[in-house]
Amino acid sequence: MTPKVYVLAALVAVVIADNIPYTPPRPSYNAPAPAGPAQYNFDWSVNDVNSGNDYGHNEARNGYDTEGSYYVQLPDGRLQSVTYTVNGDSGYVAQVEHQGEAQYSAYQPSPSYRPTPGYA
């Protein structure tokens, strides 16, 4: 065969390959089918004295019924806790409580603060 035939065959192959739609490969992972109603429970917390971070969360679920609580140390010194339930179609029902009394430090401008000089 002559070189012209090879070039022509290559061009035909490119045109044919260009007109074939691309089909991406199918994923090889198949998620397991649900085995029944959802059931789980978890609990975690953070208490870092140096930074003042104190918060946590716990929850338990059995089918359509869920109950749990979470808490956080607020910047004003109070501890806010939320206890909640979700029972079927009743929706999210929460009870919020605060422990302690809000305390705010007096405002103190930074030492680098300088008032704008007055104009005469």
PDB file of N, CA and C in Angstrom:
ATOM      1  N   MET A   1       0.836  -1.177   0.000  1.00  0.00           N
ATOM      2  CA  MET A   1       0.000   0.000   0.000  1.00  0.00           C
ATOM      3  C   MET A   1       0.879   1.237   0.000  1.00  0.00           C
ATOM      4  N   THR A   2       0.312   2.258  -0.581  1.00  0.00           N
ATOM      5  CA  THR A   2       1.063   3.497  -0.669  1.00  0.00           C
ATOM      6  C   THR A   2       0.801   4.331   0.575  1.00  0.00           C
ATOM      7  N   PRO A   3       1.654   5.293   0.828  1.00  0.00           N
ATOM      8  CA  PRO A   3       1.447   6.164   1.993  1.00  0.00           C
ATOM      9  C   PRO A   3       0.119   6.912   1.933  1.00  0.00           C
ATOM     10  N   LYS A   4      -0.380   7.217   0.742  1.00  0.00           N
ATOM     11  CA  LYS A   4      -1.665   7.925   0.632  1.00  0.00           C
ATOM     12  C   LYS A   4      -2.804   7.060   1.168  1.00  0.00           C
ATOM     13  N   VAL A   5      -2.724   5.757   0.940  1.00  0.00           N
ATOM     14  CA  VAL A   5      -3.757   4.855   1.417  1.00  0.00           C
ATOM     15  C   VAL A   5      -3.737   4.803   2.947  1.00  0.00           C
ATOM     16  N   TYR A   6      -2.541   4.774   3.533  1.00  0.00           N
ATOM     17  CA  TYR A   6      -2.429   4.763   4.999  1.00  0.00           C
ATOM     18  C   TYR A   6      -3.007   6.042   5.605  1.00  0.00           C
ATOM     19  N   VAL A   7      -2.717   7.165   4.994  1.00  0.00           N
ATOM     20  CA  VAL A   7      -3.239   8.444   5.484  1.00  0.00           C
ATOM     21  C   VAL A   7      -4.755   8.469   5.360  1.00  0.00           C
ATOM     22  N   LEU A   8      -5.277   8.008   4.228  1.00  0.00           N
ATOM     23  CA  LEU A   8      -6.716   7.979   4.029  1.00  0.00           C
ATOM     24  C   LEU A   8      -7.386   7.050   5.043  1.00  0.00           C
ATOM     25  N   ALA A   9      -6.802   5.885   5.312  1.00  0.00           N
ATOM     26  CA  ALA A   9      -7.356   4.949   6.286  1.00  0.00           C
ATOM     27  C   ALA A   9      -7.340   5.552   7.688  1.00  0.00           C
ATOM     28  N   ALA A  10      -6.276   6.261   8.005  1.00  0.00           N
ATOM     29  CA  ALA A  10      -6.188   6.901   9.318  1.00  0.00           C
ATOM     30  C   ALA A  10      -7.255   7.981   9.464  1.00  0.00           C
ATOM     31  N   LEU A  11      -7.485   8.782   8.436  1.00  0.00           N
ATOM     32  CA  LEU A  11      -8.508   9.827   8.491  1.00  0.00           C
ATOM     33  C   LEU A  11      -9.901   9.221   8.645  1.00  0.00           C
ATOM     34  N   VAL A  12     -10.180   8.140   7.927  1.00  0.00           N
ATOM     35  CA  VAL A  12     -11.475   7.475   8.049  1.00  0.00           C
ATOM     36  C   VAL A  12     -11.656   6.956   9.473  1.00  0.00           C
ATOM     37  N   ALA A  13     -10.619   6.363  10.063  1.00  0.00           N
ATOM     38  CA  ALA A  13     -10.697   5.848  11.436  1.00  0.00           C
ATOM     39  C   ALA A  13     -10.960   6.973  12.424  1.00  0.00           C
ATOM     40  N   VAL A  14     -10.327   8.126  12.219  1.00  0.00           N
ATOM     41  CA  VAL A  14     -10.537   9.268  13.122  1.00  0.00           C
ATOM     42  C   VAL A  14     -11.965   9.775  13.020  1.00  0.00           C
ATOM     43  N   VAL A  15     -12.496   9.875  11.806  1.00  0.00           N
ATOM     44  CA  VAL A  15     -13.864  10.369  11.619  1.00  0.00           C
ATOM     45  C   VAL A  15     -14.861   9.411  12.258  1.00  0.00           C
ATOM     46  N   ILE A  16     -14.658   8.111  12.069  1.00  0.00           N
ATOM     47  CA  ILE A  16     -15.574   7.131  12.658  1.00  0.00           C
ATOM     48  C   ILE A  16     -15.498   7.183  14.182  1.00  0.00           C
ATOM     49  N   ALA A  17     -14.295   7.228  14.727  1.00  0.00           N
ATOM     50  CA  ALA A  17     -14.129   7.262  16.178  1.00  0.00           C
ATOM     51  C   ALA A  17     -14.693   8.550  16.767  1.00  0.00           C
ATOM     52  N   ASP A  18     -14.619   9.657  16.014  1.00  0.00           N
ATOM     53  CA  ASP A  18     -15.106  10.937  16.500  1.00  0.00           C
ATOM     54  C   ASP A  18     -16.632  10.963  16.563  1.00  0.00           C
ATOM     55  N   ASN A  19     -17.303  10.155  15.788  1.00  0.00           N
ATOM     56  CA  ASN A  19     -18.763  10.143  15.761  1.00  0.00           C
ATOM     57  C   ASN A  19     -19.377   9.138  16.729  1.00  0.00           C
ATOM     58  N   ILE A  20     -18.564   8.351  17.415  1.00  0.00           N
ATOM     59  CA  ILE A  20     -19.075   7.409  18.402  1.00  0.00           C
ATOM     60  C   ILE A  20     -19.227   8.159  19.723  1.00  0.00           C
ATOM     61  N   PRO A  21     -20.446   8.181  20.309  1.00  0.00           N
ATOM     62  CA  PRO A  21     -20.614   8.911  21.576  1.00  0.00           C
ATOM     63  C   PRO A  21     -19.797   8.266  22.701  1.00  0.00           C
ATOM     64  N   TYR A  22     -19.274   9.117  23.569  1.00  0.00           N
ATOM     65  CA  TYR A  22     -18.461   8.649  24.701  1.00  0.00           C
ATOM     66  C   TYR A  22     -19.372   8.170  25.815  1.00  0.00           C
ATOM     67  N   THR A  23     -19.122   6.986  26.303  1.00  0.00           N
ATOM     68  CA  THR A  23     -19.851   6.441  27.434  1.00  0.00           C
ATOM     69  C   THR A  23     -18.867   6.246  28.579  1.00  0.00           C
ATOM     70  N   PRO A  24     -19.022   7.020  29.660  1.00  0.00           N
ATOM     71  CA  PRO A  24     -18.075   6.873  30.771  1.00  0.00           C
ATOM     72  C   PRO A  24     -18.221   5.500  31.421  1.00  0.00           C
ATOM     73  N   PRO A  25     -17.166   5.016  32.027  1.00  0.00           N
ATOM     74  CA  PRO A  25     -17.261   3.712  32.686  1.00  0.00           C
ATOM     75  C   PRO A  25     -18.234   3.776  33.860  1.00  0.00           C
ATOM     76  N   ARG A  26     -18.920   2.681  34.104  1.00  0.00           N
ATOM     77  CA  ARG A  26     -19.868   2.607  35.214  1.00  0.00           C
ATOM     78  C   ARG A  26     -19.100   2.423  36.515  1.00  0.00           C
ATOM     79  N   PRO A  27     -19.585   3.032  37.610  1.00  0.00           N
ATOM     80  CA  PRO A  27     -18.903   2.834  38.890  1.00  0.00           C
ATOM     81  C   PRO A  27     -18.971   1.372  39.308  1.00  0.00           C
ATOM     82  N   SER A  28     -17.924   0.932  39.952  1.00  0.00           N
ATOM     83  CA  SER A  28     -17.872  -0.476  40.351  1.00  0.00           C
ATOM     84  C   SER A  28     -18.466  -0.703  41.744  1.00  0.00           C
ATOM     85  N   TYR A  29     -18.797   0.380  42.463  1.00  0.00           N
ATOM     86  CA  TYR A  29     -19.325   0.240  43.818  1.00  0.00           C
ATOM     87  C   TYR A  29     -20.838   0.285  43.796  1.00  0.00           C
ATOM     88  N   ASN A  30     -21.466  -0.647  44.436  1.00  0.00           N
ATOM     89  CA  ASN A  30     -22.916  -0.647  44.606  1.00  0.00           C
ATOM     90  C   ASN A  30     -23.218  -0.543  46.093  1.00  0.00           C
ATOM     91  N   ALA A  31     -23.977   0.495  46.457  1.00  0.00           N
ATOM     92  CA  ALA A  31     -24.324   0.687  47.866  1.00  0.00           C
ATOM     93  C   ALA A  31     -25.215  -0.461  48.332  1.00  0.00           C
ATOM     94  N   PRO A  32     -25.034  -0.896  49.559  1.00  0.00           N
ATOM     95  CA  PRO A  32     -25.884  -1.981  50.054  1.00  0.00           C
ATOM     96  C   PRO A  32     -27.331  -1.509  50.192  1.00  0.00           C
ATOM     97  N   ALA A  33     -28.242  -2.391  49.970  1.00  0.00           N
ATOM     98  CA  ALA A  33     -29.661  -2.067  50.111  1.00  0.00           C
ATOM     99  C   ALA A  33     -29.985  -1.893  51.592  1.00  0.00           C
ATOM    100  N   PRO A  34     -30.910  -0.984  51.925  1.00  0.00           N
ATOM    101  CA  PRO A  34     -31.281  -0.808  53.325  1.00  0.00           C
ATOM    102  C   PRO A  34     -31.791  -2.126  53.920  1.00  0.00           C
ATOM    103  N   ALA A  35     -31.369  -2.396  55.148  1.00  0.00           N
ATOM    104  CA  ALA A  35     -31.729  -3.654  55.796  1.00  0.00           C
ATOM    105  C   ALA A  35     -32.868  -3.482  56.796  1.00  0.00           C
ATOM    106  N   GLY A  36     -33.418  -2.290  56.927  1.00  0.00           N
ATOM    107  CA  GLY A  36     -34.495  -2.047  57.877  1.00  0.00           C
ATOM    108  C   GLY A  36     -34.500  -0.588  58.283  1.00  0.00           C
ATOM    109  N   PRO A  37     -35.270  -0.239  59.281  1.00  0.00           N
ATOM    110  CA  PRO A  37     -35.313   1.158  59.721  1.00  0.00           C
ATOM    111  C   PRO A  37     -33.964   1.601  60.294  1.00  0.00           C
ATOM    112  N   ALA A  38     -33.680   2.887  60.147  1.00  0.00           N
ATOM    113  CA  ALA A  38     -32.413   3.433  60.631  1.00  0.00           C
ATOM    114  C   ALA A  38     -32.325   3.313  62.150  1.00  0.00           C
ATOM    115  N   GLN A  39     -31.159   2.875  62.611  1.00  0.00           N
ATOM    116  CA  GLN A  39     -30.893   2.800  64.050  1.00  0.00           C
ATOM    117  C   GLN A  39     -29.438   3.201  64.281  1.00  0.00           C
ATOM    118  N   TYR A  40     -29.246   4.185  65.135  1.00  0.00           N
ATOM    119  CA  TYR A  40     -27.895   4.599  65.483  1.00  0.00           C
ATOM    120  C   TYR A  40     -27.926   5.413  66.757  1.00  0.00           C
ATOM    121  N   ASN A  41     -26.753   5.628  67.330  1.00  0.00           N
ATOM    122  CA  ASN A  41     -26.580   6.598  68.401  1.00  0.00           C
ATOM    123  C   ASN A  41     -25.136   7.075  68.375  1.00  0.00           C
ATOM    124  N   PHE A  42     -24.938   8.313  68.785  1.00  0.00           N
ATOM    125  CA  PHE A  42     -23.589   8.873  68.842  1.00  0.00           C
ATOM    126  C   PHE A  42     -23.508   9.882  69.968  1.00  0.00           C
ATOM    127  N   ASP A  43     -22.277  10.194  70.348  1.00  0.00           N
ATOM    128  CA  ASP A  43     -22.020  11.129  71.436  1.00  0.00           C
ATOM    129  C   ASP A  43     -20.617  11.687  71.233  1.00  0.00           C
ATOM    130  N   TRP A  44     -20.458  12.997  71.279  1.00  0.00           N
ATOM    131  CA  TRP A  44     -19.136  13.607  71.212  1.00  0.00           C
ATOM    132  C   TRP A  44     -19.157  14.924  71.979  1.00  0.00           C
ATOM    133  N   SER A  45     -17.979  15.360  72.380  1.00  0.00           N
ATOM    134  CA  SER A  45     -17.875  16.630  73.095  1.00  0.00           C
ATOM    135  C   SER A  45     -16.469  17.187  72.972  1.00  0.00           C
ATOM    136  N   VAL A  46     -16.372  18.497  73.185  1.00  0.00           N
ATOM    137  CA  VAL A  46     -15.096  19.214  73.180  1.00  0.00           C
ATOM    138  C   VAL A  46     -15.088  20.096  74.421  1.00  0.00           C
ATOM    139  N   ASN A  47     -14.006  20.037  75.174  1.00  0.00           N
ATOM    140  CA  ASN A  47     -13.852  20.915  76.332  1.00  0.00           C
ATOM    141  C   ASN A  47     -12.390  21.330  76.394  1.00  0.00           C
ATOM    142  N   ASP A  48     -12.078  22.501  75.835  1.00  0.00           N
ATOM    143  CA  ASP A  48     -10.718  23.024  75.798  1.00  0.00           C
ATOM    144  C   ASP A  48     -10.656  24.247  76.707  1.00  0.00           C
ATOM    145  N   VAL A  49     -10.059  24.073  77.869  1.00  0.00           N
ATOM    146  CA  VAL A  49     -10.009  25.137  78.870  1.00  0.00           C
ATOM    147  C   VAL A  49      -9.246  26.351  78.353  1.00  0.00           C
ATOM    148  N   ASN A  50      -8.159  26.126  77.601  1.00  0.00           N
ATOM    149  CA  ASN A  50      -7.336  27.245  77.135  1.00  0.00           C
ATOM    150  C   ASN A  50      -8.096  28.180  76.204  1.00  0.00           C
ATOM    151  N   SER A  51      -8.898  27.628  75.299  1.00  0.00           N
ATOM    152  CA  SER A  51      -9.623  28.468  74.351  1.00  0.00           C
ATOM    153  C   SER A  51     -11.023  28.828  74.832  1.00  0.00           C
ATOM    154  N   GLY A  52     -11.539  28.136  75.849  1.00  0.00           N
ATOM    155  CA  GLY A  52     -12.887  28.382  76.329  1.00  0.00           C
ATOM    156  C   GLY A  52     -13.950  27.623  75.554  1.00  0.00           C
ATOM    157  N   ASN A  53     -13.535  26.767  74.615  1.00  0.00           N
ATOM    158  CA  ASN A  53     -14.509  25.980  73.855  1.00  0.00           C
ATOM    159  C   ASN A  53     -15.060  24.851  74.710  1.00  0.00           C
ATOM    160  N   ASP A  54     -16.376  24.789  74.793  1.00  0.00           N
ATOM    161  CA  ASP A  54     -17.056  23.733  75.548  1.00  0.00           C
ATOM    162  C   ASP A  54     -18.381  23.470  74.846  1.00  0.00           C
ATOM    163  N   TYR A  55     -18.449  22.381  74.087  1.00  0.00           N
ATOM    164  CA  TYR A  55     -19.671  22.052  73.374  1.00  0.00           C
ATOM    165  C   TYR A  55     -19.724  20.557  73.100  1.00  0.00           C
ATOM    166  N   GLY A  56     -20.922  20.050  72.825  1.00  0.00           N
ATOM    167  CA  GLY A  56     -21.077  18.631  72.566  1.00  0.00           C
ATOM    168  C   GLY A  56     -22.460  18.308  72.021  1.00  0.00           C
ATOM    169  N   HIS A  57     -22.626  17.057  71.622  1.00  0.00           N
ATOM    170  CA  HIS A  57     -23.876  16.629  70.989  1.00  0.00           C
ATOM    171  C   HIS A  57     -24.034  15.134  71.189  1.00  0.00           C
ATOM    172  N   ASN A  58     -25.257  14.695  71.435  1.00  0.00           N
ATOM    173  CA  ASN A  58     -25.563  13.265  71.448  1.00  0.00           C
ATOM    174  C   ASN A  58     -26.927  13.069  70.810  1.00  0.00           C
ATOM    175  N   GLU A  59     -27.103  11.914  70.177  1.00  0.00           N
ATOM    176  CA  GLU A  59     -28.356  11.640  69.497  1.00  0.00           C
ATOM    177  C   GLU A  59     -28.550  10.139  69.388  1.00  0.00           C
ATOM    178  N   ALA A  60     -29.800   9.710  69.451  1.00  0.00           N
ATOM    179  CA  ALA A  60     -30.160   8.305  69.268  1.00  0.00           C
ATOM    180  C   ALA A  60     -31.374   8.255  68.347  1.00  0.00           C
ATOM    181  N   ARG A  61     -31.339   7.315  67.391  1.00  0.00           N
ATOM    182  CA  ARG A  61     -32.450   7.166  66.460  1.00  0.00           C
ATOM    183  C   ARG A  61     -32.854   5.709  66.383  1.00  0.00           C
ATOM    184  N   ASN A  62     -34.162   5.499  66.358  1.00  0.00           N
ATOM    185  CA  ASN A  62     -34.717   4.165  66.182  1.00  0.00           C
ATOM    186  C   ASN A  62     -35.885   4.306  65.209  1.00  0.00           C
ATOM    187  N   GLY A  63     -35.649   3.986  63.953  1.00  0.00           N
ATOM    188  CA  GLY A  63     -36.679   4.149  62.930  1.00  0.00           C
ATOM    189  C   GLY A  63     -36.969   5.615  62.695  1.00  0.00           C
ATOM    190  N   TYR A  64     -38.231   6.014  62.887  1.00  0.00           N
ATOM    191  CA  TYR A  64     -38.617   7.407  62.665  1.00  0.00           C
ATOM    192  C   TYR A  64     -38.543   8.249  63.928  1.00  0.00           C
ATOM    193  N   ASP A  65     -38.153   7.659  65.046  1.00  0.00           N
ATOM    194  CA  ASP A  65     -38.088   8.381  66.315  1.00  0.00           C
ATOM    195  C   ASP A  65     -36.635   8.737  66.629  1.00  0.00           C
ATOM    196  N   THR A  66     -36.401  10.015  66.866  1.00  0.00           N
ATOM    197  CA  THR A  66     -35.057  10.497  67.167  1.00  0.00           C
ATOM    198  C   THR A  66     -35.125  11.393  68.392  1.00  0.00           C
ATOM    199  N   GLU A  67     -34.139  11.270  69.267  1.00  0.00           N
ATOM    200  CA  GLU A  67     -34.033  12.186  70.402  1.00  0.00           C
ATOM    201  C   GLU A  67     -32.564  12.479  70.634  1.00  0.00           C
ATOM    202  N   GLY A  68     -32.314  13.685  71.127  1.00  0.00           N
ATOM    203  CA  GLY A  68     -30.931  14.056  71.374  1.00  0.00           C
ATOM    204  C   GLY A  68     -30.834  15.378  72.085  1.00  0.00           C
ATOM    205  N   SER A  69     -29.599  15.821  72.272  1.00  0.00           N
ATOM    206  CA  SER A  69     -29.350  17.113  72.899  1.00  0.00           C
ATOM    207  C   SER A  69     -27.973  17.607  72.479  1.00  0.00           C
ATOM    208  N   TYR A  70     -27.817  18.909  72.539  1.00  0.00           N
ATOM    209  CA  TYR A  70     -26.504  19.506  72.305  1.00  0.00           C
ATOM    210  C   TYR A  70     -26.368  20.726  73.203  1.00  0.00           C
ATOM    211  N   TYR A  71     -25.123  21.116  73.445  1.00  0.00           N
ATOM    212  CA  TYR A  71     -24.881  22.259  74.313  1.00  0.00           C
ATOM    213  C   TYR A  71     -23.663  23.020  73.810  1.00  0.00           C
ATOM    214  N   VAL A  72     -23.606  24.297  74.196  1.00  0.00           N
ATOM    215  CA  VAL A  72     -22.473  25.139  73.809  1.00  0.00           C
ATOM    216  C   VAL A  72     -22.272  26.204  74.888  1.00  0.00           C
ATOM    217  N   GLN A  73     -21.016  26.489  75.177  1.00  0.00           N
ATOM    218  CA  GLN A  73     -20.668  27.572  76.099  1.00  0.00           C
ATOM    219  C   GLN A  73     -20.698  28.871  75.308  1.00  0.00           C
ATOM    220  N   LEU A  74     -21.607  29.769  75.641  1.00  0.00           N
ATOM    221  CA  LEU A  74     -21.758  31.017  74.901  1.00  0.00           C
ATOM    222  C   LEU A  74     -20.674  32.018  75.293  1.00  0.00           C
ATOM    223  N   PRO A  75     -20.374  32.972  74.422  1.00  0.00           N
ATOM    224  CA  PRO A  75     -19.342  33.976  74.737  1.00  0.00           C
ATOM    225  C   PRO A  75     -19.659  34.811  75.972  1.00  0.00           C
ATOM    226  N   ASP A  76     -20.944  34.923  76.344  1.00  0.00           N
ATOM    227  CA  ASP A  76     -21.307  35.722  77.515  1.00  0.00           C
ATOM    228  C   ASP A  76     -21.222  34.931  78.816  1.00  0.00           C
ATOM    229  N   GLY A  77     -20.728  33.681  78.746  1.00  0.00           N
ATOM    230  CA  GLY A  77     -20.516  32.894  79.952  1.00  0.00           C
ATOM    231  C   GLY A  77     -21.621  31.895  80.262  1.00  0.00           C
ATOM    232  N   ARG A  78     -22.767  31.997  79.607  1.00  0.00           N
ATOM    233  CA  ARG A  78     -23.862  31.064  79.868  1.00  0.00           C
ATOM    234  C   ARG A  78     -23.655  29.760  79.093  1.00  0.00           C
ATOM    235  N   LEU A  79     -24.260  28.704  79.599  1.00  0.00           N
ATOM    236  CA  LEU A  79     -24.267  27.420  78.902  1.00  0.00           C
ATOM    237  C   LEU A  79     -25.649  27.248  78.297  1.00  0.00           C
ATOM    238  N   GLN A  80     -25.714  27.136  76.981  1.00  0.00           N
ATOM    239  CA  GLN A  80     -26.988  26.925  76.299  1.00  0.00           C
ATOM    240  C   GLN A  80     -27.111  25.447  75.965  1.00  0.00           C
ATOM    241  N   SER A  81     -28.224  24.840  76.370  1.00  0.00           N
ATOM    242  CA  SER A  81     -28.458  23.433  76.051  1.00  0.00           C
ATOM    243  C   SER A  81     -29.802  23.296  75.346  1.00  0.00           C
ATOM    244  N   VAL A  82     -29.835  22.410  74.366  1.00  0.00           N
ATOM    245  CA  VAL A  82     -31.037  22.162  73.582  1.00  0.00           C
ATOM    246  C   VAL A  82     -31.323  20.673  73.641  1.00  0.00           C
ATOM    247  N   THR A  83     -32.511  20.316  74.055  1.00  0.00           N
ATOM    248  CA  THR A  83     -32.972  18.933  74.050  1.00  0.00           C
ATOM    249  C   THR A  83     -34.068  18.849  73.003  1.00  0.00           C
ATOM    250  N   TYR A  84     -34.004  17.844  72.124  1.00  0.00           N
ATOM    251  CA  TYR A  84     -34.961  17.782  71.028  1.00  0.00           C
ATOM    252  C   TYR A  84     -35.435  16.358  70.780  1.00  0.00           C
ATOM    253  N   THR A  85     -36.591  16.287  70.121  1.00  0.00           N
ATOM    254  CA  THR A  85     -37.149  15.010  69.675  1.00  0.00           C
ATOM    255  C   THR A  85     -37.696  15.199  68.267  1.00  0.00           C
ATOM    256  N   VAL A  86     -37.705  14.112  67.530  1.00  0.00           N
ATOM    257  CA  VAL A  86     -38.360  14.050  66.226  1.00  0.00           C
ATOM    258  C   VAL A  86     -39.082  12.716  66.218  1.00  0.00           C
ATOM    259  N   ASN A  87     -40.398  12.759  66.237  1.00  0.00           N
ATOM    260  CA  ASN A  87     -41.194  11.533  66.271  1.00  0.00           C
ATOM    261  C   ASN A  87     -42.051  11.462  65.022  1.00  0.00           C
ATOM    262  N   GLY A  88     -41.619  10.652  64.069  1.00  0.00           N
ATOM    263  CA  GLY A  88     -42.388  10.474  62.837  1.00  0.00           C
ATOM    264  C   GLY A  88     -42.629  11.780  62.126  1.00  0.00           C
ATOM    265  N   ASP A  89     -43.899  12.074  61.857  1.00  0.00           N
ATOM    266  CA  ASP A  89     -44.270  13.271  61.114  1.00  0.00           C
ATOM    267  C   ASP A  89     -44.479  14.498  61.994  1.00  0.00           C
ATOM    268  N   SER A  90     -44.231  14.399  63.301  1.00  0.00           N
ATOM    269  CA  SER A  90     -44.490  15.532  64.194  1.00  0.00           C
ATOM    270  C   SER A  90     -43.470  16.648  64.010  1.00  0.00           C
ATOM    271  N   GLY A  91     -42.347  16.363  63.394  1.00  0.00           N
ATOM    272  CA  GLY A  91     -41.341  17.390  63.159  1.00  0.00           C
ATOM    273  C   GLY A  91     -40.382  17.534  64.331  1.00  0.00           C
ATOM    274  N   TYR A  92     -39.536  18.530  64.225  1.00  0.00           N
ATOM    275  CA  TYR A  92     -38.486  18.803  65.198  1.00  0.00           C
ATOM    276  C   TYR A  92     -39.079  19.611  66.345  1.00  0.00           C
ATOM    277  N   VAL A  93     -38.995  19.094  67.574  1.00  0.00           N
ATOM    278  CA  VAL A  93     -39.509  19.792  68.751  1.00  0.00           C
ATOM    279  C   VAL A  93     -38.334  19.984  69.706  1.00  0.00           C
ATOM    280  N   ALA A  94     -38.014  21.238  70.019  1.00  0.00           N
ATOM    281  CA  ALA A  94     -36.839  21.525  70.831  1.00  0.00           C
ATOM    282  C   ALA A  94     -37.201  22.303  72.082  1.00  0.00           C
ATOM    283  N   GLN A  95     -36.425  22.061  73.132  1.00  0.00           N
ATOM    284  CA  GLN A  95     -36.537  22.831  74.368  1.00  0.00           C
ATOM    285  C   GLN A  95     -35.160  23.435  74.627  1.00  0.00           C
ATOM    286  N   VAL A  96     -35.101  24.753  74.702  1.00  0.00           N
ATOM    287  CA  VAL A  96     -33.832  25.471  74.864  1.00  0.00           C
ATOM    288  C   VAL A  96     -33.743  26.005  76.279  1.00  0.00           C
ATOM    289  N   GLU A  97     -32.615  25.778  76.939  1.00  0.00           N
ATOM    290  CA  GLU A  97     -32.396  26.278  78.296  1.00  0.00           C
ATOM    291  C   GLU A  97     -31.035  26.959  78.367  1.00  0.00           C
ATOM    292  N   HIS A  98     -30.948  27.927  79.277  1.00  0.00           N
ATOM    293  CA  HIS A  98     -29.679  28.616  79.533  1.00  0.00           C
ATOM    294  C   HIS A  98     -29.346  28.496  81.012  1.00  0.00           C
ATOM    295  N   GLN A  99     -28.093  28.189  81.294  1.00  0.00           N
ATOM    296  CA  GLN A  99     -27.630  28.104  82.679  1.00  0.00           C
ATOM    297  C   GLN A  99     -26.621  29.214  82.906  1.00  0.00           C
ATOM    298  N   GLY A 100     -26.716  29.848  84.053  1.00  0.00           N
ATOM    299  CA  GLY A 100     -25.800  30.929  84.387  1.00  0.00           C
ATOM    300  C   GLY A 100     -26.388  32.272  84.015  1.00  0.00           C
ATOM    301  N   GLU A 101     -25.604  33.302  84.267  1.00  0.00           N
ATOM    302  CA  GLU A 101     -26.041  34.663  83.985  1.00  0.00           C
ATOM    303  C   GLU A 101     -25.064  35.300  83.005  1.00  0.00           C
ATOM    304  N   ALA A 102     -25.609  36.008  82.028  1.00  0.00           N
ATOM    305  CA  ALA A 102     -24.762  36.653  81.027  1.00  0.00           C
ATOM    306  C   ALA A 102     -23.885  37.710  81.687  1.00  0.00           C
ATOM    307  N   GLN A 103     -22.608  37.686  81.362  1.00  0.00           N
ATOM    308  CA  GLN A 103     -21.660  38.664  81.913  1.00  0.00           C
ATOM    309  C   GLN A 103     -20.844  39.231  80.766  1.00  0.00           C
ATOM    310  N   TYR A 104     -20.760  40.546  80.764  1.00  0.00           N
ATOM    311  CA  TYR A 104     -20.020  41.230  79.714  1.00  0.00           C
ATOM    312  C   TYR A 104     -18.916  42.047  80.360  1.00  0.00           C
ATOM    313  N   SER A 105     -17.741  41.974  79.805  1.00  0.00           N
ATOM    314  CA  SER A 105     -16.645  42.780  80.345  1.00  0.00           C
ATOM    315  C   SER A 105     -16.813  44.222  79.878  1.00  0.00           C
ATOM    316  N   ALA A 106     -16.295  45.145  80.666  1.00  0.00           N
ATOM    317  CA  ALA A 106     -16.385  46.559  80.329  1.00  0.00           C
ATOM    318  C   ALA A 106     -15.544  46.832  79.086  1.00  0.00           C
ATOM    319  N   TYR A 107     -16.024  47.745  78.261  1.00  0.00           N
ATOM    320  CA  TYR A 107     -15.303  48.087  77.039  1.00  0.00           C
ATOM    321  C   TYR A 107     -14.024  48.816  77.386  1.00  0.00           C
ATOM    322  N   GLN A 108     -12.936  48.356  76.803  1.00  0.00           N
ATOM    323  CA  GLN A 108     -11.646  49.010  76.995  1.00  0.00           C
ATOM    324  C   GLN A 108     -11.001  49.158  75.623  1.00  0.00           C
ATOM    325  N   PRO A 109     -10.848  50.407  75.167  1.00  0.00           N
ATOM    326  CA  PRO A 109     -10.228  50.584  73.862  1.00  0.00           C
ATOM    327  C   PRO A 109      -8.794  50.074  73.879  1.00  0.00           C
ATOM    328  N   SER A 110      -8.329  49.645  72.739  1.00  0.00           N
ATOM    329  CA  SER A 110      -6.962  49.122  72.677  1.00  0.00           C
ATOM    330  C   SER A 110      -5.975  50.250  72.941  1.00  0.00           C
ATOM    331  N   PRO A 111      -4.794  49.912  73.452  1.00  0.00           N
ATOM    332  CA  PRO A 111      -3.811  50.951  73.772  1.00  0.00           C
ATOM    333  C   PRO A 111      -3.363  51.742  72.550  1.00  0.00           C
ATOM    334  N   SER A 112      -3.519  51.202  71.363  1.00  0.00           N
ATOM    335  CA  SER A 112      -3.063  51.916  70.171  1.00  0.00           C
ATOM    336  C   SER A 112      -4.090  52.933  69.678  1.00  0.00           C
ATOM    337  N   TYR A 113      -5.237  53.013  70.358  1.00  0.00           N
ATOM    338  CA  TYR A 113      -6.273  53.947  69.933  1.00  0.00           C
ATOM    339  C   TYR A 113      -5.828  55.372  70.228  1.00  0.00           C
ATOM    340  N   ARG A 114      -5.935  56.233  69.228  1.00  0.00           N
ATOM    341  CA  ARG A 114      -5.638  57.659  69.388  1.00  0.00           C
ATOM    342  C   ARG A 114      -6.765  58.446  68.758  1.00  0.00           C
ATOM    343  N   PRO A 115      -7.398  59.320  69.508  1.00  0.00           N
ATOM    344  CA  PRO A 115      -8.478  60.107  68.903  1.00  0.00           C
ATOM    345  C   PRO A 115      -7.940  60.983  67.765  1.00  0.00           C
ATOM    346  N   THR A 116      -8.798  61.288  66.817  1.00  0.00           N
ATOM    347  CA  THR A 116      -8.400  62.160  65.724  1.00  0.00           C
ATOM    348  C   THR A 116      -8.153  63.565  66.277  1.00  0.00           C
ATOM    349  N   PRO A 117      -7.043  64.167  65.894  1.00  0.00           N
ATOM    350  CA  PRO A 117      -6.773  65.505  66.427  1.00  0.00           C
ATOM    351  C   PRO A 117      -7.830  66.510  65.945  1.00  0.00           C
ATOM    352  N   GLY A 118      -8.158  67.454  66.819  1.00  0.00           N
ATOM    353  CA  GLY A 118      -9.163  68.460  66.467  1.00  0.00           C
ATOM    354  C   GLY A 118      -8.589  69.477  65.479  1.00  0.00           C
ATOM    355  N   TYR A 119      -9.447  70.033  64.695  1.00  0.00           N
ATOM    356  CA  TYR A 119      -9.019  71.056  63.732  1.00  0.00           C
ATOM    357  C   TYR A 119      -9.524  72.403  64.215  1.00  0.00           C
ATOM    358  N   ALA A 120      -8.654  73.398  64.180  1.00  0.00           N
ATOM    359  CA  ALA A 120      -9.016  74.725  64.653  1.00  0.00           C
ATOM    360  C   ALA A 120      -9.435  75.631  63.538  1.00  0.00           C
TER     361      ALA A 120
END
